[in-house]
Amino acid sequence: MTVSHRNQLKNRQMPEHSPVLIPIPIEDAEAPFAVSSGATVMRIVQGESELCQDVLAEEVPVALVYNGISHAVMLSTPDQLEDMALGFSLSEGILQSASELYDIEVVAACQGVEVRMDISSRRFAALRDRRRTLAGRTGCGLCGVESLDAVNRVEGAVVKRGAPVPASAVARALPLMQDAQTLHRMTGAVHGVAWVSPDGELLALREDVGRHNALDKLIGHLARQGIDPTSGFVLTSSRASYEMVQKSAAVGIGMLVAVSAPTALAVRLAKDCNVTLAGFARGNRVVVYAHPDYLTGS
């Protein structure tokens, strides 16, 4: 159901009940829950009220379980969870390569979803040593960090990079990303993160209520498909936050472009990690905040 196809129920009476949520089926066989639900809502325009059918993005607790031990609980859109779990594991430094993940299973639990992973004993021992427990939220990727020293988990900088990307590639990819954001068109409540070729072709897109979750889903997809992180760049519909720069640098992605603004901390980290960081990408306009040599004006 799209916004243009919502069935508006003409009724000038104020509803006396809470919105009715109706699950909407999805095609992703990996997802144990629907990613969106229908709801009866009251819309008020210029003082006139009417009952309408709306679509809401689902937000489900997702527990990431390593070798039988729950390590993190994220609030996420419940699709492409295998991608998200692998991407999270790589971008958080729990795994150093996708080959260290031996098995993965998505299981519906009574209160949400468990993604059960079997990882190498060496990486599991390192994970236990970190004693880091996250309490995931849609707007934060650093919840549960035990000290300020643990905030910057990126070691070193991005070294290997592809050829410079022309700004025209960003302009070409923007409308392609917008067209591909199916769930966002339905709900208006999720972020999109895309993998884009140097000539502006949209190669993959992931959506989630959490922008860092969407990036983890994309990182997991790249790892599962064996895609070289130097072969393109990341384009996000959200602002460029610190954790998004951090996750990009951790897996060797050399450029992050955002539709909205970056934070000052994100810019400082991008400069330190040799990540080209750009924001306010709209039409033929883009502002480069760090390492402009990788994004050319042509």
C-alpha atoms as a PDB file:
ATOM      1  CA  MET A   1       0.000   0.000   0.000  1.00  0.00           C
ATOM      2  CA  THR A   2       1.449   3.376  -0.978  1.00  0.00           C
ATOM      3  CA  VAL A   3       0.502   6.819   0.284  1.00  0.00           C
ATOM      4  CA  SER A   4      -1.382   7.549  -2.937  1.00  0.00           C
ATOM      5  CA  HIS A   5      -3.436   4.367  -2.529  1.00  0.00           C
ATOM      6  CA  ARG A   6      -4.516   4.816   1.081  1.00  0.00           C
ATOM      7  CA  ASN A   7      -8.230   4.353   1.468  1.00  0.00           C
ATOM      8  CA  GLN A   8      -9.585   7.510   3.082  1.00  0.00           C
ATOM      9  CA  LEU A   9     -12.696   6.870   5.152  1.00  0.00           C
ATOM     10  CA  LYS A  10     -14.810  10.029   5.214  1.00  0.00           C
ATOM     11  CA  ASN A  11     -16.039  10.392   8.761  1.00  0.00           C
ATOM     12  CA  ARG A  12     -16.214  13.686  10.570  1.00  0.00           C
ATOM     13  CA  GLN A  13     -16.664  12.073  13.995  1.00  0.00           C
ATOM     14  CA  MET A  14     -13.661  11.872  16.317  1.00  0.00           C
ATOM     15  CA  PRO A  15     -12.766   8.189  16.887  1.00  0.00           C
ATOM     16  CA  GLU A  16     -13.355   6.878  20.399  1.00  0.00           C
ATOM     17  CA  HIS A  17     -10.852   4.034  20.072  1.00  0.00           C
ATOM     18  CA  SER A  18      -7.124   3.600  19.588  1.00  0.00           C
ATOM     19  CA  PRO A  19      -5.726   3.122  16.077  1.00  0.00           C
ATOM     20  CA  VAL A  20      -6.259  -0.403  14.750  1.00  0.00           C
ATOM     21  CA  LEU A  21      -3.001  -2.000  13.563  1.00  0.00           C
ATOM     22  CA  ILE A  22      -3.234  -4.514  10.728  1.00  0.00           C
ATOM     23  CA  PRO A  23      -0.039  -6.393   9.720  1.00  0.00           C
ATOM     24  CA  ILE A  24       0.930  -5.979   6.069  1.00  0.00           C
ATOM     25  CA  PRO A  25       2.601  -9.067   4.537  1.00  0.00           C
ATOM     26  CA  ILE A  26       6.119  -8.762   3.116  1.00  0.00           C
ATOM     27  CA  GLU A  27       8.046 -10.863   0.618  1.00  0.00           C
ATOM     28  CA  ASP A  28      11.266 -11.285   2.613  1.00  0.00           C
ATOM     29  CA  ALA A  29      11.141 -14.909   3.804  1.00  0.00           C
ATOM     30  CA  GLU A  30      13.956 -14.167   6.271  1.00  0.00           C
ATOM     31  CA  ALA A  31      11.834 -11.715   8.275  1.00  0.00           C
ATOM     32  CA  PRO A  32       9.693 -13.306  11.005  1.00  0.00           C
ATOM     33  CA  PHE A  33       7.540 -10.171  11.353  1.00  0.00           C
ATOM     34  CA  ALA A  34       5.924  -7.714   8.970  1.00  0.00           C
ATOM     35  CA  VAL A  35       7.968  -4.566   8.365  1.00  0.00           C
ATOM     36  CA  SER A  36       4.857  -2.341   8.412  1.00  0.00           C
ATOM     37  CA  SER A  37       1.305  -2.241   9.694  1.00  0.00           C
ATOM     38  CA  GLY A  38      -1.872  -0.477   8.659  1.00  0.00           C
ATOM     39  CA  ALA A  39      -3.541   1.841  11.159  1.00  0.00           C
ATOM     40  CA  THR A  40      -6.800   3.788  11.312  1.00  0.00           C
ATOM     41  CA  VAL A  41      -5.848   7.366  12.191  1.00  0.00           C
ATOM     42  CA  MET A  42      -7.514  10.743  12.522  1.00  0.00           C
ATOM     43  CA  ARG A  43      -6.254  13.364  10.082  1.00  0.00           C
ATOM     44  CA  ILE A  44      -7.063  17.005  10.831  1.00  0.00           C
ATOM     45  CA  VAL A  45      -6.593  19.586   8.075  1.00  0.00           C
ATOM     46  CA  GLN A  46      -7.670  23.206   8.611  1.00  0.00           C
ATOM     47  CA  GLY A  47      -9.918  22.186  11.476  1.00  0.00           C
ATOM     48  CA  GLU A  48     -11.672  19.415   9.513  1.00  0.00           C
ATOM     49  CA  SER A  49     -11.176  15.835  10.706  1.00  0.00           C
ATOM     50  CA  GLU A  50     -11.499  12.521   8.899  1.00  0.00           C
ATOM     51  CA  LEU A  51     -10.682   8.875   9.523  1.00  0.00           C
ATOM     52  CA  CYS A  52      -7.974   7.550   7.195  1.00  0.00           C
ATOM     53  CA  GLN A  53      -5.892   4.443   6.697  1.00  0.00           C
ATOM     54  CA  ASP A  54      -2.172   5.032   7.323  1.00  0.00           C
ATOM     55  CA  VAL A  55       0.925   2.819   7.226  1.00  0.00           C
ATOM     56  CA  LEU A  56       3.398   2.596  10.114  1.00  0.00           C
ATOM     57  CA  ALA A  57       6.944   1.227  10.097  1.00  0.00           C
ATOM     58  CA  GLU A  58       7.422  -1.660  12.504  1.00  0.00           C
ATOM     59  CA  GLU A  59      10.145  -1.456  15.166  1.00  0.00           C
ATOM     60  CA  VAL A  60      11.069  -4.786  16.741  1.00  0.00           C
ATOM     61  CA  PRO A  61      13.629  -5.728  19.422  1.00  0.00           C
ATOM     62  CA  VAL A  62      16.341  -7.799  17.730  1.00  0.00           C
ATOM     63  CA  ALA A  63      18.763  -9.688  19.968  1.00  0.00           C
ATOM     64  CA  LEU A  64      22.160 -10.547  18.482  1.00  0.00           C
ATOM     65  CA  VAL A  65      23.258 -13.813  20.055  1.00  0.00           C
ATOM     66  CA  TYR A  66      26.845 -15.101  19.719  1.00  0.00           C
ATOM     67  CA  ASN A  67      27.542 -18.748  20.566  1.00  0.00           C
ATOM     68  CA  GLY A  68      24.459 -18.841  22.776  1.00  0.00           C
ATOM     69  CA  ILE A  69      25.157 -15.535  24.603  1.00  0.00           C
ATOM     70  CA  SER A  70      23.022 -12.458  23.917  1.00  0.00           C
ATOM     71  CA  HIS A  71      25.352  -9.521  23.307  1.00  0.00           C
ATOM     72  CA  ALA A  72      23.211  -6.693  21.930  1.00  0.00           C
ATOM     73  CA  VAL A  73      19.551  -5.794  21.582  1.00  0.00           C
ATOM     74  CA  MET A  74      18.751  -3.365  18.774  1.00  0.00           C
ATOM     75  CA  LEU A  75      15.411  -1.845  17.851  1.00  0.00           C
ATOM     76  CA  SER A  76      15.227  -2.507  14.129  1.00  0.00           C
ATOM     77  CA  THR A  77      13.027  -2.940  11.086  1.00  0.00           C
ATOM     78  CA  PRO A  78      12.707  -6.754  10.993  1.00  0.00           C
ATOM     79  CA  ASP A  79      14.012  -7.545   7.512  1.00  0.00           C
ATOM     80  CA  GLN A  80      17.456  -8.424   6.115  1.00  0.00           C
ATOM     81  CA  LEU A  81      18.438  -9.317   9.668  1.00  0.00           C
ATOM     82  CA  GLU A  82      21.192 -11.698   8.567  1.00  0.00           C
ATOM     83  CA  ASP A  83      22.797  -8.798   6.696  1.00  0.00           C
ATOM     84  CA  MET A  84      22.410  -6.537   9.730  1.00  0.00           C
ATOM     85  CA  ALA A  85      23.895  -9.078  12.126  1.00  0.00           C
ATOM     86  CA  LEU A  86      26.936  -9.689   9.930  1.00  0.00           C
ATOM     87  CA  GLY A  87      27.373  -5.982   9.207  1.00  0.00           C
ATOM     88  CA  PHE A  88      27.131  -5.143  12.907  1.00  0.00           C
ATOM     89  CA  SER A  89      29.660  -7.856  13.742  1.00  0.00           C
ATOM     90  CA  LEU A  90      32.143  -6.488  11.200  1.00  0.00           C
ATOM     91  CA  SER A  91      31.599  -2.770  11.839  1.00  0.00           C
ATOM     92  CA  GLU A  92      31.836  -3.256  15.622  1.00  0.00           C
ATOM     93  CA  GLY A  93      35.020  -5.316  15.337  1.00  0.00           C
ATOM     94  CA  ILE A  94      33.451  -8.481  16.765  1.00  0.00           C
ATOM     95  CA  LEU A  95      34.464 -10.295  13.577  1.00  0.00           C
ATOM     96  CA  GLN A  96      37.431  -9.432  11.411  1.00  0.00           C
ATOM     97  CA  SER A  97      36.074 -11.198   8.334  1.00  0.00           C
ATOM     98  CA  ALA A  98      32.847 -12.829   7.187  1.00  0.00           C
ATOM     99  CA  SER A  99      34.600 -16.225   7.204  1.00  0.00           C
ATOM    100  CA  GLU A 100      34.637 -16.129  11.016  1.00  0.00           C
ATOM    101  CA  LEU A 101      30.839 -16.439  11.005  1.00  0.00           C
ATOM    102  CA  TYR A 102      30.135 -20.179  10.768  1.00  0.00           C
ATOM    103  CA  ASP A 103      26.344 -20.207  10.956  1.00  0.00           C
ATOM    104  CA  ILE A 104      23.436 -17.798  11.387  1.00  0.00           C
ATOM    105  CA  GLU A 105      19.745 -18.318  12.125  1.00  0.00           C
ATOM    106  CA  VAL A 106      16.866 -15.842  12.521  1.00  0.00           C
ATOM    107  CA  VAL A 107      14.355 -17.041  15.120  1.00  0.00           C
ATOM    108  CA  ALA A 108      11.092 -15.434  16.229  1.00  0.00           C
ATOM    109  CA  ALA A 109      10.982 -15.050  20.023  1.00  0.00           C
ATOM    110  CA  CYS A 110       8.077 -14.153  22.288  1.00  0.00           C
ATOM    111  CA  GLN A 111       9.192 -10.518  22.640  1.00  0.00           C
ATOM    112  CA  GLY A 112      10.964 -10.004  19.327  1.00  0.00           C
ATOM    113  CA  VAL A 113      13.613 -11.697  17.187  1.00  0.00           C
ATOM    114  CA  GLU A 114      16.833 -13.513  17.957  1.00  0.00           C
ATOM    115  CA  VAL A 115      19.630 -13.683  15.392  1.00  0.00           C
ATOM    116  CA  ARG A 116      21.693 -16.633  16.548  1.00  0.00           C
ATOM    117  CA  MET A 117      25.264 -16.725  15.286  1.00  0.00           C
ATOM    118  CA  ASP A 118      27.979 -19.327  15.608  1.00  0.00           C
ATOM    119  CA  ILE A 119      31.363 -17.601  15.442  1.00  0.00           C
ATOM    120  CA  SER A 120      34.964 -18.771  15.800  1.00  0.00           C
ATOM    121  CA  SER A 121      36.110 -19.538  19.327  1.00  0.00           C
ATOM    122  CA  ARG A 122      38.921 -17.002  19.015  1.00  0.00           C
ATOM    123  CA  ARG A 123      36.545 -14.160  18.157  1.00  0.00           C
ATOM    124  CA  PHE A 124      34.082 -15.245  20.831  1.00  0.00           C
ATOM    125  CA  ALA A 125      36.844 -15.185  23.450  1.00  0.00           C
ATOM    126  CA  ALA A 126      37.767 -11.664  22.347  1.00  0.00           C
ATOM    127  CA  LEU A 127      34.110 -10.638  22.547  1.00  0.00           C
ATOM    128  CA  ARG A 128      33.816 -11.898  26.105  1.00  0.00           C
ATOM    129  CA  ASP A 129      36.950  -9.985  27.038  1.00  0.00           C
ATOM    130  CA  ARG A 130      35.425  -6.741  25.834  1.00  0.00           C
ATOM    131  CA  ARG A 131      32.488  -7.092  28.251  1.00  0.00           C
ATOM    132  CA  ARG A 132      30.536  -4.662  26.124  1.00  0.00           C
ATOM    133  CA  THR A 133      26.734  -4.800  26.301  1.00  0.00           C
ATOM    134  CA  LEU A 134      24.584  -2.622  24.079  1.00  0.00           C
ATOM    135  CA  ALA A 135      21.017  -1.419  24.696  1.00  0.00           C
ATOM    136  CA  GLY A 136      20.021  -0.542  21.146  1.00  0.00           C
ATOM    137  CA  ARG A 137      17.956   2.495  20.239  1.00  0.00           C
ATOM    138  CA  THR A 138      16.833   3.825  16.900  1.00  0.00           C
ATOM    139  CA  GLY A 139      18.880   7.020  17.215  1.00  0.00           C
ATOM    140  CA  CYS A 140      22.049   5.782  18.879  1.00  0.00           C
ATOM    141  CA  GLY A 141      24.796   3.406  17.902  1.00  0.00           C
ATOM    142  CA  LEU A 142      26.969   3.873  20.978  1.00  0.00           C
ATOM    143  CA  CYS A 143      24.604   2.843  23.782  1.00  0.00           C
ATOM    144  CA  GLY A 144      26.246   0.746  26.468  1.00  0.00           C
ATOM    145  CA  VAL A 145      29.850   1.755  25.796  1.00  0.00           C
ATOM    146  CA  GLU A 146      31.574   1.449  29.159  1.00  0.00           C
ATOM    147  CA  SER A 147      34.030   4.334  28.868  1.00  0.00           C
ATOM    148  CA  LEU A 148      34.796   7.354  26.729  1.00  0.00           C
ATOM    149  CA  ASP A 149      37.987   5.633  25.582  1.00  0.00           C
ATOM    150  CA  ALA A 150      35.808   2.934  24.010  1.00  0.00           C
ATOM    151  CA  VAL A 151      33.961   5.380  21.765  1.00  0.00           C
ATOM    152  CA  ASN A 152      36.609   5.453  19.029  1.00  0.00           C
ATOM    153  CA  ARG A 153      36.888   1.792  18.095  1.00  0.00           C
ATOM    154  CA  VAL A 154      38.458   2.388  14.663  1.00  0.00           C
ATOM    155  CA  GLU A 155      42.101   1.415  14.502  1.00  0.00           C
ATOM    156  CA  GLY A 156      44.029   3.173  11.761  1.00  0.00           C
ATOM    157  CA  ALA A 157      42.634   4.776   8.637  1.00  0.00           C
ATOM    158  CA  VAL A 158      41.190   3.728   5.307  1.00  0.00           C
ATOM    159  CA  VAL A 159      44.232   3.054   3.126  1.00  0.00           C
ATOM    160  CA  LYS A 160      43.077   1.420  -0.093  1.00  0.00           C
ATOM    161  CA  ARG A 161      40.702   3.534  -2.177  1.00  0.00           C
ATOM    162  CA  GLY A 162      39.358   3.453  -5.693  1.00  0.00           C
ATOM    163  CA  ALA A 163      39.457   6.187  -8.309  1.00  0.00           C
ATOM    164  CA  PRO A 164      38.005   9.629  -7.438  1.00  0.00           C
ATOM    165  CA  VAL A 165      34.226   9.892  -7.805  1.00  0.00           C
ATOM    166  CA  PRO A 166      32.674  12.757  -9.798  1.00  0.00           C
ATOM    167  CA  ALA A 167      29.989  14.828  -8.086  1.00  0.00           C
ATOM    168  CA  SER A 168      27.714  13.996 -11.019  1.00  0.00           C
ATOM    169  CA  ALA A 169      27.608  10.393  -9.723  1.00  0.00           C
ATOM    170  CA  VAL A 170      26.068  11.618  -6.469  1.00  0.00           C
ATOM    171  CA  ALA A 171      23.513  13.698  -8.392  1.00  0.00           C
ATOM    172  CA  ARG A 172      22.602  10.687 -10.520  1.00  0.00           C
ATOM    173  CA  ALA A 173      22.213   8.364  -7.530  1.00  0.00           C
ATOM    174  CA  LEU A 174      19.979  10.644  -5.428  1.00  0.00           C
ATOM    175  CA  PRO A 175      16.716  10.142  -7.360  1.00  0.00           C
ATOM    176  CA  LEU A 176      17.530   6.444  -7.808  1.00  0.00           C
ATOM    177  CA  MET A 177      17.806   6.038  -4.043  1.00  0.00           C
ATOM    178  CA  GLN A 178      14.567   7.918  -3.491  1.00  0.00           C
ATOM    179  CA  ASP A 179      12.741   5.686  -5.986  1.00  0.00           C
ATOM    180  CA  ALA A 180      14.124   2.543  -4.351  1.00  0.00           C
ATOM    181  CA  GLN A 181      12.983   3.450  -0.816  1.00  0.00           C
ATOM    182  CA  THR A 182       9.763   1.466  -0.869  1.00  0.00           C
ATOM    183  CA  LEU A 183       9.225   1.275   2.878  1.00  0.00           C
ATOM    184  CA  HIS A 184       9.953   4.969   3.332  1.00  0.00           C
ATOM    185  CA  ARG A 185       7.315   5.853   0.738  1.00  0.00           C
ATOM    186  CA  MET A 186       4.829   3.725   2.649  1.00  0.00           C
ATOM    187  CA  THR A 187       5.626   4.970   6.136  1.00  0.00           C
ATOM    188  CA  GLY A 188       7.885   8.054   6.041  1.00  0.00           C
ATOM    189  CA  ALA A 189       9.634   6.635   9.124  1.00  0.00           C
ATOM    190  CA  VAL A 190      12.763   4.816   7.928  1.00  0.00           C
ATOM    191  CA  HIS A 191      16.229   5.713   6.703  1.00  0.00           C
ATOM    192  CA  GLY A 192      17.767   4.473   3.472  1.00  0.00           C
ATOM    193  CA  VAL A 193      21.437   3.605   2.910  1.00  0.00           C
ATOM    194  CA  ALA A 194      22.624   2.785  -0.599  1.00  0.00           C
ATOM    195  CA  TRP A 195      25.756   1.321  -2.189  1.00  0.00           C
ATOM    196  CA  VAL A 196      26.594   3.328  -5.302  1.00  0.00           C
ATOM    197  CA  SER A 197      29.089   2.718  -8.106  1.00  0.00           C
ATOM    198  CA  PRO A 198      31.610   5.447  -9.057  1.00  0.00           C
ATOM    199  CA  ASP A 199      29.394   6.394 -12.034  1.00  0.00           C
ATOM    200  CA  GLY A 200      26.260   6.798  -9.903  1.00  0.00           C
ATOM    201  CA  GLU A 201      24.547   3.440 -10.434  1.00  0.00           C
ATOM    202  CA  LEU A 202      22.509   2.253  -7.445  1.00  0.00           C
ATOM    203  CA  LEU A 203      23.748  -1.267  -6.685  1.00  0.00           C
ATOM    204  CA  ALA A 204      22.056  -2.043  -3.353  1.00  0.00           C
ATOM    205  CA  LEU A 205      19.806  -0.383  -0.790  1.00  0.00           C
ATOM    206  CA  ARG A 206      18.779  -1.194   2.766  1.00  0.00           C
ATOM    207  CA  GLU A 207      16.160   0.528   4.947  1.00  0.00           C
ATOM    208  CA  ASP A 208      15.649   0.610   8.702  1.00  0.00           C
ATOM    209  CA  VAL A 209      14.188   2.772  11.461  1.00  0.00           C
ATOM    210  CA  GLY A 210      17.767   3.168  12.685  1.00  0.00           C
ATOM    211  CA  ARG A 211      20.243   4.730  10.286  1.00  0.00           C
ATOM    212  CA  HIS A 212      23.156   2.766  11.759  1.00  0.00           C
ATOM    213  CA  ASN A 213      21.100  -0.430  11.464  1.00  0.00           C
ATOM    214  CA  ALA A 214      20.489   0.318   7.780  1.00  0.00           C
ATOM    215  CA  LEU A 215      24.233   0.815   7.296  1.00  0.00           C
ATOM    216  CA  ASP A 216      24.984  -2.454   9.080  1.00  0.00           C
ATOM    217  CA  LYS A 217      22.516  -4.210   6.771  1.00  0.00           C
ATOM    218  CA  LEU A 218      24.329  -2.757   3.772  1.00  0.00           C
ATOM    219  CA  ILE A 219      27.764  -3.679   5.161  1.00  0.00           C
ATOM    220  CA  GLY A 220      26.541  -7.219   5.765  1.00  0.00           C
ATOM    221  CA  HIS A 221      25.240  -7.410   2.203  1.00  0.00           C
ATOM    222  CA  LEU A 222      28.599  -6.280   0.809  1.00  0.00           C
ATOM    223  CA  ALA A 223      30.423  -8.867   2.914  1.00  0.00           C
ATOM    224  CA  ARG A 224      28.080 -11.722   2.005  1.00  0.00           C
ATOM    225  CA  GLN A 225      28.376 -10.893  -1.698  1.00  0.00           C
ATOM    226  CA  GLY A 226      32.154 -10.441  -1.539  1.00  0.00           C
ATOM    227  CA  ILE A 227      31.923  -6.852  -2.825  1.00  0.00           C
ATOM    228  CA  ASP A 228      35.099  -4.781  -2.580  1.00  0.00           C
ATOM    229  CA  PRO A 229      34.462  -1.764  -0.279  1.00  0.00           C
ATOM    230  CA  THR A 230      36.696   0.349  -2.513  1.00  0.00           C
ATOM    231  CA  SER A 231      34.461  -0.245  -5.545  1.00  0.00           C
ATOM    232  CA  GLY A 232      31.869   2.396  -4.636  1.00  0.00           C
ATOM    233  CA  PHE A 233      30.552   4.701  -1.926  1.00  0.00           C
ATOM    234  CA  VAL A 234      27.734   4.934   0.619  1.00  0.00           C
ATOM    235  CA  LEU A 235      24.817   7.327   0.159  1.00  0.00           C
ATOM    236  CA  THR A 236      22.448   7.843   3.087  1.00  0.00           C
ATOM    237  CA  SER A 237      19.123   9.642   3.373  1.00  0.00           C
ATOM    238  CA  SER A 238      19.904  10.636   6.971  1.00  0.00           C
ATOM    239  CA  ARG A 239      22.407  12.911   8.647  1.00  0.00           C
ATOM    240  CA  ALA A 240      26.012  11.705   8.828  1.00  0.00           C
ATOM    241  CA  SER A 241      26.613  10.764  12.440  1.00  0.00           C
ATOM    242  CA  TYR A 242      29.792   9.729  14.208  1.00  0.00           C
ATOM    243  CA  GLU A 243      28.881   6.047  14.310  1.00  0.00           C
ATOM    244  CA  MET A 244      28.182   5.964  10.554  1.00  0.00           C
ATOM    245  CA  VAL A 245      31.658   7.310   9.775  1.00  0.00           C
ATOM    246  CA  GLN A 246      33.092   4.873  12.282  1.00  0.00           C
ATOM    247  CA  LYS A 247      31.319   1.866  10.792  1.00  0.00           C
ATOM    248  CA  SER A 248      32.317   2.878   7.254  1.00  0.00           C
ATOM    249  CA  ALA A 249      35.975   3.259   8.191  1.00  0.00           C
ATOM    250  CA  ALA A 250      35.985  -0.029  10.112  1.00  0.00           C
ATOM    251  CA  VAL A 251      35.216  -2.008   6.941  1.00  0.00           C
ATOM    252  CA  GLY A 252      37.289   0.082   4.520  1.00  0.00           C
ATOM    253  CA  ILE A 253      34.594   2.238   2.876  1.00  0.00           C
ATOM    254  CA  GLY A 254      36.289   5.426   1.705  1.00  0.00           C
ATOM    255  CA  MET A 255      33.363   7.786   1.098  1.00  0.00           C
ATOM    256  CA  LEU A 256      30.103   8.535   2.901  1.00  0.00           C
ATOM    257  CA  VAL A 257      27.640  11.006   1.389  1.00  0.00           C
ATOM    258  CA  ALA A 258      24.570  12.196   3.312  1.00  0.00           C
ATOM    259  CA  VAL A 259      21.452  14.024   2.214  1.00  0.00           C
ATOM    260  CA  SER A 260      21.500  15.911   5.506  1.00  0.00           C
ATOM    261  CA  ALA A 261      24.314  17.420   7.586  1.00  0.00           C
ATOM    262  CA  PRO A 262      27.202  15.736   9.377  1.00  0.00           C
ATOM    263  CA  THR A 263      28.013  16.386  13.015  1.00  0.00           C
ATOM    264  CA  ALA A 264      31.261  18.058  14.032  1.00  0.00           C
ATOM    265  CA  LEU A 265      32.439  14.852  15.699  1.00  0.00           C
ATOM    266  CA  ALA A 266      31.724  12.926  12.495  1.00  0.00           C
ATOM    267  CA  VAL A 267      33.823  15.399  10.489  1.00  0.00           C
ATOM    268  CA  ARG A 268      36.743  15.135  12.901  1.00  0.00           C
ATOM    269  CA  LEU A 269      36.659  11.345  12.786  1.00  0.00           C
ATOM    270  CA  ALA A 270      36.401  11.331   8.979  1.00  0.00           C
ATOM    271  CA  LYS A 271      39.518  13.498   8.753  1.00  0.00           C
ATOM    272  CA  ASP A 272      41.383  11.182  11.105  1.00  0.00           C
ATOM    273  CA  CYS A 273      40.273   8.016   9.297  1.00  0.00           C
ATOM    274  CA  ASN A 274      40.816   9.200   5.714  1.00  0.00           C
ATOM    275  CA  VAL A 275      37.092   8.990   4.898  1.00  0.00           C
ATOM    276  CA  THR A 276      35.667  11.477   2.416  1.00  0.00           C
ATOM    277  CA  LEU A 277      32.586  12.886   4.132  1.00  0.00           C
ATOM    278  CA  ALA A 278      29.983  14.956   2.302  1.00  0.00           C
ATOM    279  CA  GLY A 279      26.576  16.301   3.255  1.00  0.00           C
ATOM    280  CA  PHE A 280      23.618  18.302   1.947  1.00  0.00           C
ATOM    281  CA  ALA A 281      23.593  16.222  -1.230  1.00  0.00           C
ATOM    282  CA  ARG A 282      20.578  17.588  -3.063  1.00  0.00           C
ATOM    283  CA  GLY A 283      20.282  17.813  -6.821  1.00  0.00           C
ATOM    284  CA  ASN A 284      23.573  19.028  -8.248  1.00  0.00           C
ATOM    285  CA  ARG A 285      24.709  20.418  -4.879  1.00  0.00           C
ATOM    286  CA  VAL A 286      26.961  18.701  -2.327  1.00  0.00           C
ATOM    287  CA  VAL A 287      29.173  20.008   0.488  1.00  0.00           C
ATOM    288  CA  VAL A 288      32.427  18.138   1.196  1.00  0.00           C
ATOM    289  CA  TYR A 289      33.661  18.307   4.809  1.00  0.00           C
ATOM    290  CA  ALA A 290      36.614  15.921   4.824  1.00  0.00           C
ATOM    291  CA  HIS A 291      39.114  14.724   2.205  1.00  0.00           C
ATOM    292  CA  PRO A 292      37.666  16.501  -0.856  1.00  0.00           C
ATOM    293  CA  ASP A 293      40.300  14.971  -3.143  1.00  0.00           C
ATOM    294  CA  TYR A 294      38.151  11.840  -3.535  1.00  0.00           C
ATOM    295  CA  LEU A 295      35.064  13.715  -4.750  1.00  0.00           C
ATOM    296  CA  THR A 296      35.717  15.761  -7.871  1.00  0.00           C
ATOM    297  CA  GLY A 297      33.664  18.634  -9.240  1.00  0.00           C
ATOM    298  CA  SER A 298      33.160  17.097 -12.677  1.00  0.00           C
END
